[in-house]
Amino acid sequence: MSYSLSEFVTDVNESLTRDSGPAGREQVRANLERLLAEPDFIAHIRGLDIAEGVKVLHKEKGLGYLILAHATREGAGRHAPHNHGASWAIYGQVTNHTDMTEWERVNAGGDKAELKVARAYRLTPGQAGIYQNGAIHSVENEPGTRIIRITGVDLDTIERERFDPATGQVSKLVKTA
């Protein structure tokens, strides 16, 4: 029996309504892996024309989360260490792979950040990873990579941070909406 995007959305709503914290998000991550095992869903995502790099698959008004399909374009596959501010994110691998690095901030706050690598690993098709509120991570993938990303809120509406590990510079990514 196949598992559809609409069934996934129902399960996400139930999980996050029961527990909007880490345990509920873990259920969402596990169900995303279940969805990523569905050949029809994968074929659909591979067939999407994602000219701008991202396509909204679902926006849940009540709970505020978004389900996005991303396609890495030429030259856009490396993202500096960053966080999602007050939001969480779940990345699910559709095609190719994504090298993920989780970073730990050694110093407390301020304009300069001293970061050290806490964990580095590769997401391969069918795998999903969670990044809780404020978690610093970086992403690297090759052109043509497709991922599904679920965010707790529309990230364009909240303040986030980007980090330069070489200089310690912290840049605020200011909300646009």
N, C-alpha and C. Protein backbone atom coordinates (compact mmCIF):
# COMPACT_ATOMS: atom_id res chain seq x y z
N MET A 1 0.85 -1.19 0.00
CA MET A 1 0.00 0.00 0.00
C MET A 1 0.89 1.24 0.00
N SER A 2 0.53 2.22 -0.80
CA SER A 2 1.39 3.40 -0.88
C SER A 2 0.99 4.46 0.14
N TYR A 3 1.93 5.32 0.43
CA TYR A 3 1.78 6.40 1.40
C TYR A 3 1.88 7.70 0.61
N SER A 4 0.88 8.55 0.68
CA SER A 4 0.82 9.74 -0.16
C SER A 4 1.20 11.00 0.63
N LEU A 5 1.44 12.07 -0.11
CA LEU A 5 1.72 13.36 0.51
C LEU A 5 0.55 13.79 1.38
N SER A 6 -0.68 13.59 0.93
CA SER A 6 -1.83 14.00 1.75
C SER A 6 -1.92 13.19 3.04
N GLU A 7 -1.60 11.90 2.99
CA GLU A 7 -1.58 11.08 4.21
C GLU A 7 -0.45 11.54 5.13
N PHE A 8 0.68 11.90 4.54
CA PHE A 8 1.80 12.42 5.32
C PHE A 8 1.39 13.70 6.04
N VAL A 9 0.73 14.62 5.35
CA VAL A 9 0.28 15.88 5.96
C VAL A 9 -0.65 15.58 7.14
N THR A 10 -1.57 14.65 6.97
CA THR A 10 -2.47 14.27 8.07
C THR A 10 -1.66 13.77 9.27
N ASP A 11 -0.66 12.92 9.00
CA ASP A 11 0.18 12.39 10.08
C ASP A 11 1.00 13.49 10.75
N VAL A 12 1.52 14.44 9.96
CA VAL A 12 2.28 15.56 10.53
C VAL A 12 1.38 16.36 11.46
N ASN A 13 0.17 16.66 11.00
CA ASN A 13 -0.77 17.43 11.83
C ASN A 13 -1.05 16.72 13.15
N GLU A 14 -1.29 15.41 13.07
CA GLU A 14 -1.56 14.65 14.29
C GLU A 14 -0.36 14.64 15.21
N SER A 15 0.83 14.41 14.66
CA SER A 15 2.05 14.35 15.48
C SER A 15 2.32 15.67 16.17
N LEU A 16 2.25 16.77 15.41
CA LEU A 16 2.58 18.08 15.98
C LEU A 16 1.48 18.62 16.90
N THR A 17 0.25 18.17 16.70
CA THR A 17 -0.83 18.55 17.61
C THR A 17 -0.65 17.85 18.95
N ARG A 18 -0.25 16.58 18.90
CA ARG A 18 0.00 15.81 20.13
C ARG A 18 1.21 16.36 20.87
N ASP A 19 2.28 16.66 20.13
CA ASP A 19 3.54 17.09 20.75
C ASP A 19 4.29 17.95 19.74
N SER A 20 4.33 19.25 19.96
CA SER A 20 5.02 20.15 19.02
C SER A 20 6.52 20.23 19.29
N GLY A 21 6.98 19.50 20.29
CA GLY A 21 8.39 19.51 20.64
C GLY A 21 9.19 18.43 19.93
N PRO A 22 10.38 18.14 20.43
CA PRO A 22 11.27 17.18 19.78
C PRO A 22 10.66 15.80 19.52
N ALA A 23 9.83 15.29 20.42
CA ALA A 23 9.25 13.95 20.21
C ALA A 23 8.28 13.95 19.03
N GLY A 24 7.46 14.99 18.91
CA GLY A 24 6.55 15.10 17.78
C GLY A 24 7.30 15.28 16.48
N ARG A 25 8.37 16.05 16.51
CA ARG A 25 9.19 16.26 15.31
C ARG A 25 9.87 14.97 14.88
N GLU A 26 10.27 14.16 15.84
CA GLU A 26 10.87 12.87 15.50
C GLU A 26 9.86 11.98 14.78
N GLN A 27 8.61 12.04 15.18
CA GLN A 27 7.57 11.28 14.46
C GLN A 27 7.44 11.80 13.03
N VAL A 28 7.51 13.11 12.85
CA VAL A 28 7.46 13.70 11.50
C VAL A 28 8.64 13.21 10.68
N ARG A 29 9.84 13.22 11.27
CA ARG A 29 11.04 12.75 10.57
C ARG A 29 10.87 11.30 10.13
N ALA A 30 10.39 10.46 11.02
CA ALA A 30 10.20 9.04 10.69
C ALA A 30 9.17 8.87 9.58
N ASN A 31 8.10 9.64 9.62
CA ASN A 31 7.08 9.56 8.57
C ASN A 31 7.60 10.13 7.25
N LEU A 32 8.49 11.12 7.31
CA LEU A 32 9.09 11.62 6.07
C LEU A 32 9.92 10.51 5.42
N GLU A 33 10.66 9.76 6.21
CA GLU A 33 11.41 8.63 5.65
C GLU A 33 10.47 7.61 5.02
N ARG A 34 9.32 7.42 5.63
CA ARG A 34 8.31 6.51 5.05
C ARG A 34 7.85 7.05 3.69
N LEU A 35 7.60 8.36 3.60
CA LEU A 35 7.18 8.98 2.34
C LEU A 35 8.29 8.88 1.29
N LEU A 36 9.54 9.07 1.73
CA LEU A 36 10.68 9.02 0.80
C LEU A 36 10.93 7.61 0.26
N ALA A 37 10.27 6.61 0.83
CA ALA A 37 10.39 5.24 0.34
C ALA A 37 9.34 4.93 -0.74
N GLU A 38 8.48 5.90 -1.03
CA GLU A 38 7.39 5.69 -2.00
C GLU A 38 7.84 6.07 -3.41
N PRO A 39 7.95 5.10 -4.32
CA PRO A 39 8.40 5.38 -5.69
C PRO A 39 7.55 6.43 -6.41
N ASP A 40 6.23 6.43 -6.21
CA ASP A 40 5.38 7.42 -6.88
C ASP A 40 5.69 8.84 -6.40
N PHE A 41 5.93 9.00 -5.10
CA PHE A 41 6.26 10.31 -4.56
C PHE A 41 7.61 10.78 -5.11
N ILE A 42 8.58 9.89 -5.12
CA ILE A 42 9.92 10.24 -5.62
C ILE A 42 9.83 10.64 -7.09
N ALA A 43 9.08 9.90 -7.87
CA ALA A 43 8.92 10.23 -9.30
C ALA A 43 8.28 11.60 -9.45
N HIS A 44 7.29 11.90 -8.61
CA HIS A 44 6.63 13.21 -8.65
C HIS A 44 7.63 14.33 -8.36
N ILE A 45 8.43 14.18 -7.31
CA ILE A 45 9.40 15.22 -6.93
C ILE A 45 10.47 15.37 -8.01
N ARG A 46 10.94 14.28 -8.56
CA ARG A 46 11.93 14.35 -9.64
C ARG A 46 11.38 15.08 -10.86
N GLY A 47 10.08 14.97 -11.10
CA GLY A 47 9.46 15.57 -12.27
C GLY A 47 9.07 17.02 -12.11
N LEU A 48 9.16 17.56 -10.89
CA LEU A 48 8.76 18.96 -10.68
C LEU A 48 9.72 19.92 -11.37
N ASP A 49 9.18 20.95 -11.97
CA ASP A 49 9.99 22.02 -12.53
C ASP A 49 10.20 23.04 -11.42
N ILE A 50 11.38 23.03 -10.83
CA ILE A 50 11.67 23.91 -9.70
C ILE A 50 12.67 24.96 -10.18
N ALA A 51 12.18 25.89 -10.97
CA ALA A 51 13.03 26.90 -11.60
C ALA A 51 13.69 27.82 -10.57
N GLU A 52 13.01 28.13 -9.51
CA GLU A 52 13.55 29.05 -8.52
C GLU A 52 14.30 28.34 -7.40
N GLY A 53 14.46 27.02 -7.51
CA GLY A 53 15.17 26.29 -6.48
C GLY A 53 14.30 25.72 -5.39
N VAL A 54 13.09 26.25 -5.22
CA VAL A 54 12.21 25.76 -4.17
C VAL A 54 10.75 25.84 -4.63
N LYS A 55 9.97 24.86 -4.20
CA LYS A 55 8.53 24.84 -4.50
C LYS A 55 7.81 24.45 -3.22
N VAL A 56 6.81 25.23 -2.86
CA VAL A 56 6.00 24.92 -1.67
C VAL A 56 5.05 23.79 -2.04
N LEU A 57 5.16 22.67 -1.32
CA LEU A 57 4.26 21.54 -1.52
C LEU A 57 3.03 21.65 -0.63
N HIS A 58 3.23 22.24 0.56
CA HIS A 58 2.12 22.38 1.51
C HIS A 58 2.46 23.45 2.53
N LYS A 59 1.49 24.29 2.85
CA LYS A 59 1.63 25.27 3.92
C LYS A 59 0.45 25.07 4.86
N GLU A 60 0.75 24.70 6.08
CA GLU A 60 -0.29 24.42 7.08
C GLU A 60 -0.55 25.68 7.89
N LYS A 61 -1.68 26.31 7.66
CA LYS A 61 -1.97 27.59 8.29
C LYS A 61 -2.08 27.48 9.81
N GLY A 62 -2.80 26.50 10.31
CA GLY A 62 -3.02 26.39 11.75
C GLY A 62 -1.75 26.14 12.54
N LEU A 63 -0.94 25.20 12.10
CA LEU A 63 0.28 24.84 12.82
C LEU A 63 1.50 25.62 12.32
N GLY A 64 1.40 26.23 11.15
CA GLY A 64 2.45 27.12 10.65
C GLY A 64 3.59 26.49 9.89
N TYR A 65 3.66 25.18 9.78
CA TYR A 65 4.79 24.55 9.11
C TYR A 65 4.63 24.57 7.59
N LEU A 66 5.76 24.42 6.90
CA LEU A 66 5.78 24.33 5.44
C LEU A 66 6.49 23.06 5.01
N ILE A 67 6.04 22.48 3.91
CA ILE A 67 6.73 21.36 3.27
C ILE A 67 7.20 21.88 1.93
N LEU A 68 8.51 21.84 1.72
CA LEU A 68 9.13 22.43 0.54
C LEU A 68 9.93 21.38 -0.23
N ALA A 69 9.91 21.49 -1.55
CA ALA A 69 10.78 20.68 -2.40
C ALA A 69 11.88 21.61 -2.90
N HIS A 70 13.14 21.19 -2.74
CA HIS A 70 14.29 21.99 -3.17
C HIS A 70 15.04 21.24 -4.26
N ALA A 71 15.54 22.01 -5.22
CA ALA A 71 16.44 21.47 -6.24
C ALA A 71 17.70 22.33 -6.23
N THR A 72 18.86 21.70 -6.13
CA THR A 72 20.10 22.45 -6.13
C THR A 72 20.46 22.80 -7.56
N ARG A 73 20.64 24.09 -7.79
CA ARG A 73 21.03 24.58 -9.11
C ARG A 73 22.55 24.64 -9.21
N GLU A 74 23.05 24.84 -10.39
CA GLU A 74 24.49 24.97 -10.62
C GLU A 74 25.05 26.08 -9.74
N GLY A 75 26.10 25.78 -9.00
CA GLY A 75 26.76 26.77 -8.17
C GLY A 75 26.07 27.10 -6.87
N ALA A 76 24.99 26.42 -6.53
CA ALA A 76 24.23 26.78 -5.31
C ALA A 76 24.26 25.68 -4.27
N GLY A 77 25.21 24.76 -4.35
CA GLY A 77 25.17 23.59 -3.50
C GLY A 77 25.86 23.67 -2.16
N ARG A 78 26.54 24.77 -1.85
CA ARG A 78 27.23 24.88 -0.56
C ARG A 78 26.64 26.04 0.21
N HIS A 79 26.18 25.74 1.43
CA HIS A 79 25.58 26.76 2.28
C HIS A 79 26.39 26.89 3.56
N ALA A 80 26.77 28.09 3.90
CA ALA A 80 27.56 28.36 5.10
C ALA A 80 26.81 27.91 6.34
N PRO A 81 27.53 27.71 7.45
CA PRO A 81 26.84 27.39 8.70
C PRO A 81 25.77 28.44 8.98
N HIS A 82 24.60 27.97 9.39
CA HIS A 82 23.48 28.85 9.65
C HIS A 82 22.55 28.18 10.64
N ASN A 83 21.62 28.96 11.16
CA ASN A 83 20.56 28.37 11.97
C ASN A 83 19.22 28.83 11.40
N HIS A 84 18.16 28.25 11.91
CA HIS A 84 16.82 28.62 11.49
C HIS A 84 16.11 29.40 12.59
N GLY A 85 16.91 30.09 13.39
CA GLY A 85 16.35 30.93 14.44
C GLY A 85 15.46 30.14 15.38
N ALA A 86 14.26 30.65 15.59
CA ALA A 86 13.32 30.03 16.51
C ALA A 86 12.58 28.85 15.88
N SER A 87 12.94 28.47 14.68
CA SER A 87 12.28 27.35 14.01
C SER A 87 13.16 26.11 13.99
N TRP A 88 12.54 25.00 13.73
CA TRP A 88 13.22 23.73 13.49
C TRP A 88 13.09 23.42 12.00
N ALA A 89 13.89 22.45 11.55
CA ALA A 89 13.80 22.00 10.15
C ALA A 89 14.10 20.52 10.09
N ILE A 90 13.46 19.85 9.15
CA ILE A 90 13.73 18.45 8.86
C ILE A 90 14.07 18.37 7.38
N TYR A 91 15.23 17.82 7.07
CA TYR A 91 15.67 17.65 5.68
C TYR A 91 15.50 16.18 5.31
N GLY A 92 14.89 15.91 4.16
CA GLY A 92 14.73 14.55 3.66
C GLY A 92 15.35 14.44 2.28
N GLN A 93 16.21 13.46 2.11
CA GLN A 93 16.95 13.30 0.85
C GLN A 93 16.13 12.55 -0.18
N VAL A 94 15.97 13.16 -1.38
CA VAL A 94 15.25 12.55 -2.48
C VAL A 94 16.23 11.95 -3.48
N THR A 95 17.16 12.76 -3.99
CA THR A 95 18.16 12.28 -4.96
C THR A 95 19.56 12.68 -4.52
N ASN A 96 20.57 12.00 -5.10
CA ASN A 96 21.98 12.27 -4.82
C ASN A 96 22.25 12.15 -3.31
N HIS A 97 23.04 13.05 -2.76
CA HIS A 97 23.30 13.03 -1.32
C HIS A 97 23.54 14.46 -0.84
N THR A 98 23.45 14.64 0.45
CA THR A 98 23.75 15.93 1.07
C THR A 98 24.70 15.68 2.23
N ASP A 99 25.83 16.39 2.21
CA ASP A 99 26.76 16.32 3.33
C ASP A 99 26.35 17.38 4.34
N MET A 100 26.02 16.91 5.53
CA MET A 100 25.55 17.77 6.61
C MET A 100 26.66 17.90 7.67
N THR A 101 26.83 19.11 8.16
CA THR A 101 27.74 19.34 9.27
C THR A 101 26.97 20.08 10.35
N GLU A 102 27.00 19.53 11.54
CA GLU A 102 26.41 20.20 12.70
C GLU A 102 27.54 20.87 13.46
N TRP A 103 27.30 22.11 13.86
CA TRP A 103 28.32 22.93 14.50
C TRP A 103 27.90 23.24 15.94
N GLU A 104 28.89 23.39 16.79
CA GLU A 104 28.67 23.82 18.18
C GLU A 104 29.31 25.18 18.34
N ARG A 105 28.57 26.10 18.93
CA ARG A 105 29.14 27.42 19.21
C ARG A 105 29.87 27.33 20.54
N VAL A 106 31.17 27.63 20.51
CA VAL A 106 32.02 27.49 21.69
C VAL A 106 31.86 28.69 22.62
N ASN A 107 31.76 29.89 22.06
CA ASN A 107 31.60 31.09 22.88
C ASN A 107 30.12 31.45 22.99
N ALA A 108 29.81 32.27 23.97
CA ALA A 108 28.41 32.65 24.19
C ALA A 108 28.09 33.94 23.48
N GLY A 109 27.13 33.91 22.56
CA GLY A 109 26.59 35.10 21.89
C GLY A 109 27.61 36.07 21.36
N GLY A 110 27.14 37.27 21.06
CA GLY A 110 28.00 38.34 20.58
C GLY A 110 28.12 38.40 19.07
N ASP A 111 28.95 39.36 18.60
CA ASP A 111 29.12 39.60 17.17
C ASP A 111 30.05 38.60 16.50
N LYS A 112 30.86 37.92 17.29
CA LYS A 112 31.79 36.93 16.75
C LYS A 112 31.43 35.56 17.32
N ALA A 113 31.52 34.56 16.47
CA ALA A 113 31.18 33.20 16.89
C ALA A 113 32.36 32.28 16.66
N GLU A 114 32.73 31.57 17.69
CA GLU A 114 33.74 30.53 17.55
C GLU A 114 32.98 29.20 17.44
N LEU A 115 33.12 28.55 16.27
CA LEU A 115 32.41 27.30 16.01
C LEU A 115 33.38 26.14 15.94
N LYS A 116 32.89 24.98 16.34
CA LYS A 116 33.64 23.75 16.11
C LYS A 116 32.66 22.69 15.59
N VAL A 117 33.18 21.80 14.77
CA VAL A 117 32.34 20.75 14.20
C VAL A 117 31.94 19.79 15.31
N ALA A 118 30.65 19.57 15.44
CA ALA A 118 30.12 18.62 16.43
C ALA A 118 29.88 17.26 15.78
N ARG A 119 29.46 17.27 14.50
CA ARG A 119 29.12 16.02 13.82
C ARG A 119 29.04 16.29 12.32
N ALA A 120 29.55 15.37 11.53
CA ALA A 120 29.46 15.47 10.07
C ALA A 120 29.00 14.11 9.54
N TYR A 121 28.08 14.13 8.59
CA TYR A 121 27.54 12.89 8.05
C TYR A 121 26.89 13.17 6.70
N ARG A 122 26.51 12.12 6.03
CA ARG A 122 25.90 12.22 4.70
C ARG A 122 24.47 11.69 4.76
N LEU A 123 23.51 12.49 4.23
CA LEU A 123 22.15 12.01 4.02
C LEU A 123 22.08 11.43 2.62
N THR A 124 21.58 10.22 2.51
CA THR A 124 21.41 9.56 1.22
C THR A 124 19.92 9.37 0.96
N PRO A 125 19.53 9.08 -0.28
CA PRO A 125 18.10 8.97 -0.58
C PRO A 125 17.36 8.09 0.42
N GLY A 126 16.24 8.64 0.89
CA GLY A 126 15.40 7.93 1.86
C GLY A 126 15.67 8.32 3.30
N GLN A 127 16.77 9.02 3.57
CA GLN A 127 17.09 9.42 4.94
C GLN A 127 16.62 10.84 5.23
N ALA A 128 16.33 11.11 6.50
CA ALA A 128 15.91 12.45 6.93
C ALA A 128 16.60 12.78 8.25
N GLY A 129 16.91 14.06 8.44
CA GLY A 129 17.55 14.53 9.66
C GLY A 129 16.83 15.75 10.22
N ILE A 130 16.85 15.88 11.54
CA ILE A 130 16.19 16.99 12.25
C ILE A 130 17.24 17.98 12.75
N TYR A 131 16.90 19.26 12.66
CA TYR A 131 17.71 20.34 13.22
C TYR A 131 16.77 21.16 14.08
N GLN A 132 16.93 21.04 15.39
CA GLN A 132 16.02 21.69 16.34
C GLN A 132 16.23 23.20 16.34
N ASN A 133 15.37 23.92 17.00
CA ASN A 133 15.42 25.38 17.08
C ASN A 133 16.83 25.84 17.42
N GLY A 134 17.36 26.75 16.61
CA GLY A 134 18.66 27.35 16.87
C GLY A 134 19.86 26.50 16.52
N ALA A 135 19.67 25.26 16.09
CA ALA A 135 20.80 24.38 15.75
C ALA A 135 21.58 24.95 14.57
N ILE A 136 22.89 24.99 14.71
CA ILE A 136 23.75 25.50 13.65
C ILE A 136 24.19 24.32 12.79
N HIS A 137 24.00 24.45 11.49
CA HIS A 137 24.38 23.39 10.57
C HIS A 137 24.75 23.99 9.22
N SER A 138 25.49 23.22 8.43
CA SER A 138 25.80 23.62 7.06
C SER A 138 25.49 22.45 6.15
N VAL A 139 25.25 22.80 4.88
CA VAL A 139 24.75 21.85 3.90
C VAL A 139 25.61 21.95 2.65
N GLU A 140 25.96 20.80 2.07
CA GLU A 140 26.67 20.81 0.80
C GLU A 140 26.12 19.67 -0.06
N ASN A 141 25.72 20.02 -1.29
CA ASN A 141 25.25 19.01 -2.22
C ASN A 141 25.56 19.44 -3.65
N GLU A 142 25.41 18.51 -4.57
CA GLU A 142 25.77 18.78 -5.96
C GLU A 142 24.56 19.23 -6.77
N PRO A 143 24.78 19.90 -7.90
CA PRO A 143 23.66 20.29 -8.76
C PRO A 143 22.79 19.09 -9.11
N GLY A 144 21.49 19.33 -9.12
CA GLY A 144 20.55 18.26 -9.44
C GLY A 144 20.03 17.53 -8.22
N THR A 145 20.57 17.83 -7.05
CA THR A 145 20.10 17.20 -5.82
C THR A 145 18.70 17.70 -5.50
N ARG A 146 17.85 16.79 -5.07
CA ARG A 146 16.50 17.15 -4.64
C ARG A 146 16.33 16.74 -3.18
N ILE A 147 15.78 17.66 -2.40
CA ILE A 147 15.47 17.37 -1.00
C ILE A 147 14.07 17.87 -0.69
N ILE A 148 13.49 17.31 0.35
CA ILE A 148 12.26 17.82 0.94
C ILE A 148 12.69 18.44 2.27
N ARG A 149 12.25 19.67 2.50
CA ARG A 149 12.56 20.33 3.77
C ARG A 149 11.24 20.77 4.41
N ILE A 150 11.09 20.43 5.66
CA ILE A 150 9.92 20.85 6.43
C ILE A 150 10.44 21.83 7.48
N THR A 151 9.82 23.00 7.55
CA THR A 151 10.22 23.99 8.53
C THR A 151 9.04 24.29 9.45
N GLY A 152 9.33 24.57 10.70
CA GLY A 152 8.28 24.83 11.69
C GLY A 152 7.48 26.08 11.38
N VAL A 153 8.12 27.05 10.71
CA VAL A 153 7.47 28.29 10.27
C VAL A 153 8.06 28.66 8.92
N ASP A 154 7.48 29.67 8.29
CA ASP A 154 8.06 30.22 7.06
C ASP A 154 9.33 30.96 7.48
N LEU A 155 10.48 30.45 7.09
CA LEU A 155 11.75 31.03 7.53
C LEU A 155 11.95 32.46 7.04
N ASP A 156 11.25 32.85 6.00
CA ASP A 156 11.37 34.22 5.51
C ASP A 156 10.70 35.22 6.43
N THR A 157 10.03 34.74 7.46
CA THR A 157 9.31 35.65 8.37
C THR A 157 9.99 35.79 9.73
N ILE A 158 11.14 35.13 9.92
CA ILE A 158 11.82 35.21 11.23
C ILE A 158 13.31 35.53 11.02
N GLU A 159 13.92 36.02 12.09
CA GLU A 159 15.35 36.30 12.06
C GLU A 159 16.15 35.02 12.24
N ARG A 160 17.18 34.87 11.41
CA ARG A 160 18.09 33.72 11.48
C ARG A 160 19.52 34.25 11.45
N GLU A 161 20.49 33.35 11.59
CA GLU A 161 21.89 33.76 11.56
C GLU A 161 22.69 32.88 10.62
N ARG A 162 23.71 33.51 10.00
CA ARG A 162 24.68 32.80 9.18
C ARG A 162 26.06 33.08 9.80
N PHE A 163 26.92 32.08 9.76
CA PHE A 163 28.22 32.17 10.42
C PHE A 163 29.35 31.92 9.43
N ASP A 164 30.45 32.63 9.62
CA ASP A 164 31.67 32.38 8.86
C ASP A 164 32.68 31.77 9.82
N PRO A 165 32.92 30.45 9.72
CA PRO A 165 33.81 29.81 10.68
C PRO A 165 35.26 30.33 10.62
N ALA A 166 35.68 30.85 9.49
CA ALA A 166 37.06 31.34 9.35
C ALA A 166 37.26 32.67 10.08
N THR A 167 36.28 33.57 9.99
CA THR A 167 36.44 34.90 10.59
C THR A 167 35.65 35.07 11.88
N GLY A 168 34.69 34.18 12.13
CA GLY A 168 33.83 34.32 13.30
C GLY A 168 32.68 35.28 13.09
N GLN A 169 32.59 35.87 11.91
CA GLN A 169 31.54 36.85 11.61
C GLN A 169 30.15 36.21 11.70
N VAL A 170 29.24 36.90 12.37
CA VAL A 170 27.84 36.47 12.48
C VAL A 170 27.01 37.47 11.70
N SER A 171 26.23 36.98 10.73
CA SER A 171 25.35 37.85 9.94
C SER A 171 23.92 37.51 10.27
N LYS A 172 23.14 38.55 10.50
CA LYS A 172 21.72 38.37 10.74
C LYS A 172 21.01 38.26 9.40
N LEU A 173 20.18 37.26 9.26
CA LEU A 173 19.32 37.13 8.10
C LEU A 173 17.97 37.66 8.55
N VAL A 174 17.65 38.86 8.14
CA VAL A 174 16.48 39.57 8.65
C VAL A 174 15.24 39.11 7.90
N LYS A 175 14.16 39.00 8.64
CA LYS A 175 12.89 38.58 8.03
C LYS A 175 12.50 39.55 6.92
N THR A 176 11.83 39.00 5.91
CA THR A 176 11.42 39.80 4.76
C THR A 176 9.92 40.00 4.71
N ALA A 177 9.18 39.29 5.51
CA ALA A 177 7.71 39.41 5.43
C ALA A 177 7.17 40.00 6.71
